Protein backbone atom coordinates (compact mmCIF):
# COMPACT_ATOMS: atom_id res chain seq x y z
CA MET A 1 36.08 10.26 -68.94
CA SER A 2 32.78 11.37 -67.52
CA THR A 3 30.11 8.92 -66.27
CA ARG A 4 27.36 11.37 -66.94
CA LEU A 5 24.78 10.19 -69.43
CA PRO A 6 23.71 12.40 -72.19
CA PHE A 7 20.29 13.99 -71.82
CA ARG A 8 18.61 11.39 -74.04
CA GLY A 9 19.89 8.45 -71.98
CA TRP A 10 18.58 10.00 -68.78
CA VAL A 11 15.10 10.52 -70.30
CA TYR A 12 14.98 6.92 -71.54
CA ARG A 13 15.95 5.58 -68.14
CA ALA A 14 13.32 7.72 -66.36
CA ALA A 15 10.63 6.61 -68.82
CA LEU A 16 11.58 2.94 -68.33
CA THR A 17 11.48 3.34 -64.52
CA MET A 18 8.04 4.97 -64.72
CA LEU A 19 6.78 2.18 -66.98
CA VAL A 20 7.99 -0.51 -64.54
CA LEU A 21 6.43 1.30 -61.54
CA THR A 22 3.11 1.76 -63.37
CA GLY A 23 3.07 -1.92 -64.33
CA ALA A 24 3.76 -2.92 -60.71
CA PHE A 25 0.95 -0.66 -59.49
CA VAL A 26 -1.56 -2.15 -62.02
CA VAL A 27 -0.59 -5.72 -61.06
CA ALA A 28 -0.92 -4.96 -57.34
CA THR A 29 -4.33 -3.31 -57.83
CA PHE A 30 -5.65 -6.13 -60.01
CA SER A 31 -4.48 -8.88 -57.66
CA SER A 32 -6.01 -7.17 -54.58
CA SER A 33 -9.40 -6.86 -56.32
CA GLN A 34 -9.32 -10.56 -57.18
CA SER A 35 -8.45 -11.68 -53.65
CA SER A 36 -11.87 -10.72 -52.19
CA ALA A 37 -13.46 -13.64 -54.05
CA GLU A 38 -10.93 -16.19 -52.83
CA PRO A 39 -11.85 -18.61 -50.02
CA GLU A 40 -9.35 -17.18 -47.54
CA ASP A 41 -11.28 -13.91 -47.46
CA ARG A 42 -11.83 -12.84 -43.82
CA THR A 43 -14.79 -10.51 -44.48
CA PRO A 44 -17.49 -11.04 -41.81
CA ARG A 45 -20.68 -12.58 -43.17
CA ALA A 46 -24.29 -12.26 -42.04
CA PRO A 47 -25.38 -15.09 -39.74
CA LEU A 48 -27.27 -18.00 -41.25
CA ALA A 49 -30.99 -18.29 -40.71
CA PRO A 50 -31.83 -20.52 -37.76
CA VAL A 51 -32.64 -24.11 -38.58
CA VAL A 52 -36.31 -24.87 -38.05
CA ASP A 53 -36.68 -28.11 -36.10
CA ARG A 54 -40.03 -28.92 -37.69
CA PRO A 55 -40.87 -29.03 -41.39
CA VAL A 56 -43.28 -26.38 -42.57
CA GLU A 57 -46.35 -28.19 -43.86
CA SER A 58 -47.87 -26.71 -46.96
CA PRO A 59 -51.58 -27.11 -47.71
CA THR A 60 -52.73 -28.31 -51.12
CA PRO A 61 -53.36 -25.28 -53.34
CA LEU A 62 -56.88 -24.72 -54.62
CA PRO A 63 -57.74 -24.48 -58.31
CA ASN A 64 -57.84 -20.81 -59.35
CA ALA A 65 -61.58 -20.89 -60.08
CA VAL A 66 -62.33 -22.17 -56.57
CA ALA A 67 -59.95 -19.68 -54.92
CA ALA A 68 -61.68 -16.81 -56.75
CA GLN A 69 -65.10 -18.00 -55.51
CA VAL A 70 -63.83 -18.37 -51.94
CA HIS A 71 -62.84 -14.72 -52.15
CA SER A 72 -65.95 -13.35 -53.84
CA ALA A 73 -68.96 -15.60 -53.10
CA PRO A 74 -71.70 -14.09 -50.92
CA ALA A 75 -72.14 -15.41 -47.40
CA GLY A 76 -73.70 -18.85 -47.27
CA ARG A 77 -75.28 -20.95 -44.51
CA THR A 78 -73.27 -20.57 -41.27
CA ILE A 79 -72.14 -23.96 -39.94
CA ALA A 80 -69.73 -22.79 -37.20
CA HIS A 81 -68.51 -19.60 -35.58
CA GLY A 82 -66.05 -18.33 -33.02
CA PRO A 83 -64.43 -15.11 -31.88
CA ASN A 84 -63.65 -13.07 -35.01
CA MET A 85 -64.39 -16.00 -37.33
CA THR A 86 -67.22 -17.68 -39.22
CA VAL A 87 -67.46 -20.94 -41.18
CA ASP A 88 -70.09 -20.81 -43.90
CA GLU A 89 -71.03 -23.22 -46.68
CA PHE A 90 -71.57 -22.01 -50.23
CA THR A 91 -72.15 -23.65 -53.61
CA LEU A 92 -69.51 -23.52 -56.35
CA ASN A 93 -70.47 -22.39 -59.85
CA GLU A 94 -69.18 -25.72 -61.23
CA PRO A 95 -68.12 -28.93 -59.43
CA ALA A 96 -64.38 -28.94 -58.71
CA THR A 97 -61.83 -31.49 -57.55
CA LEU A 98 -60.15 -30.09 -54.45
CA LYS A 99 -57.82 -32.98 -53.57
CA GLY A 100 -56.08 -35.28 -56.03
CA GLY A 101 -58.19 -38.32 -56.90
CA ASN A 102 -61.30 -37.28 -54.94
CA ALA A 103 -64.67 -36.88 -56.58
CA PRO A 104 -65.62 -33.33 -57.61
CA VAL A 105 -67.49 -31.35 -54.96
CA ARG A 106 -70.26 -28.85 -55.37
CA ALA A 107 -70.33 -27.25 -51.90
CA VAL A 108 -67.36 -25.77 -50.05
CA ALA A 109 -67.00 -24.47 -46.51
CA ARG A 110 -65.21 -21.16 -46.11
CA LEU A 111 -63.52 -20.06 -42.90
CA THR A 112 -63.35 -16.27 -42.64
CA ILE A 113 -61.19 -14.65 -39.96
CA THR A 114 -61.69 -10.94 -39.30
CA GLY A 115 -58.89 -8.72 -38.09
CA ASP A 116 -56.06 -6.64 -39.51
CA PHE A 117 -54.26 -8.45 -42.36
CA PRO A 118 -51.99 -5.99 -44.19
CA THR A 119 -50.43 -7.15 -47.43
CA ARG A 120 -47.20 -9.10 -46.91
CA SER A 121 -44.88 -11.07 -49.12
CA LEU A 122 -46.44 -14.31 -47.84
CA ASP A 123 -50.10 -15.20 -47.50
CA PRO A 124 -50.95 -16.51 -44.04
CA THR A 125 -51.39 -20.26 -43.60
CA VAL A 126 -54.55 -21.08 -41.64
CA LEU A 127 -54.35 -23.97 -39.18
CA VAL A 128 -57.22 -25.89 -37.60
CA ASP A 129 -56.12 -28.02 -34.64
CA ASP A 130 -52.48 -27.33 -35.66
CA LYS A 131 -52.99 -28.80 -39.16
CA PRO A 132 -52.65 -26.44 -42.15
CA VAL A 133 -55.90 -26.22 -44.10
CA GLY A 134 -54.96 -23.59 -46.69
CA ARG A 135 -53.60 -20.15 -47.50
CA GLY A 136 -55.70 -17.22 -46.35
CA ILE A 137 -57.02 -15.05 -49.17
CA ALA A 138 -57.08 -11.43 -47.98
CA ALA A 139 -60.08 -9.20 -48.57
CA VAL A 140 -59.52 -6.04 -50.59
CA ASP A 141 -59.89 -3.89 -47.46
CA GLU A 142 -57.32 -6.08 -45.61
CA ARG A 143 -59.83 -6.58 -42.74
CA SER A 144 -60.26 -10.36 -43.16
CA ILE A 145 -58.85 -13.52 -44.70
CA SER A 146 -60.79 -16.47 -46.09
CA VAL A 147 -59.79 -20.07 -46.72
CA ALA A 148 -61.67 -23.05 -48.17
CA LEU A 149 -61.99 -26.01 -45.83
CA THR A 150 -61.64 -28.99 -48.15
CA ASP A 151 -62.39 -31.40 -45.30
CA PHE A 152 -65.21 -29.41 -43.67
CA PRO A 153 -67.20 -32.40 -42.35
CA SER A 154 -64.39 -32.72 -39.79
CA VAL A 155 -65.09 -29.21 -38.42
CA ARG A 156 -66.14 -29.72 -34.82
CA SER A 157 -66.87 -27.72 -31.71
CA GLY A 158 -63.69 -26.90 -29.84
CA SER A 159 -61.40 -26.90 -32.92
CA VAL A 160 -58.68 -24.29 -32.38
CA VAL A 161 -58.06 -21.93 -35.31
CA LYS A 162 -54.69 -20.23 -35.82
CA TYR A 163 -52.79 -18.54 -38.63
CA ARG A 164 -49.09 -17.97 -39.30
CA TYR A 165 -46.83 -16.37 -41.86
CA GLY A 166 -44.19 -18.74 -43.26
CA SER A 167 -42.53 -20.73 -40.49
CA GLY A 168 -43.15 -18.00 -37.91
CA PRO A 169 -45.13 -18.39 -34.71
CA ALA A 170 -48.85 -19.07 -35.04
CA THR A 171 -51.41 -16.53 -33.83
CA THR A 172 -54.40 -18.13 -32.10
CA VAL A 173 -57.80 -16.81 -33.21
CA GLY A 174 -59.97 -18.97 -30.94
CA GLN A 175 -62.18 -22.05 -30.79
CA LEU A 176 -65.04 -22.93 -33.12
CA THR A 177 -68.58 -23.61 -31.97
CA LEU A 178 -70.94 -25.49 -34.27
CA GLY A 179 -74.08 -23.71 -35.40
CA GLY A 180 -75.03 -20.21 -36.52
CA LYS A 181 -74.54 -17.03 -34.55
């Protein structure tokens, strides 16, 4: 008696073997694609951002109507100046409350810093004596930024003006001197 299978038996066995191998290949491929999301993944990751040892202070935002006037109002009476900067006082179209709970104000001081201020994802924060006073509003030509000084009676000779982007290092503009140019 011969142990040879008839032709049909051989074809069925080959088809069954191919089916098992294909199934094993699909399972192996699927399980390897799932393993990249598992915790034991050894893929190198980008380093974490450095921890900032000081909190980034954020100035109180201005009402939109005031911010628009800070940007577009004509130059007012100069109350202080410094290298590449001027503080002028101008009158708002309508009284506005600049800080929560304070009485509405009619006049606002504007600090304008001249320089090169290309558009970035963050507006620069302006600091006077290392305290944030507001976000700089860039001019259309990107040659200056302006910020409202909500506490302008405290502007004094010798105040140091700086600006920074986000939590980055501050760039010193210079010291203020009271009076016009």
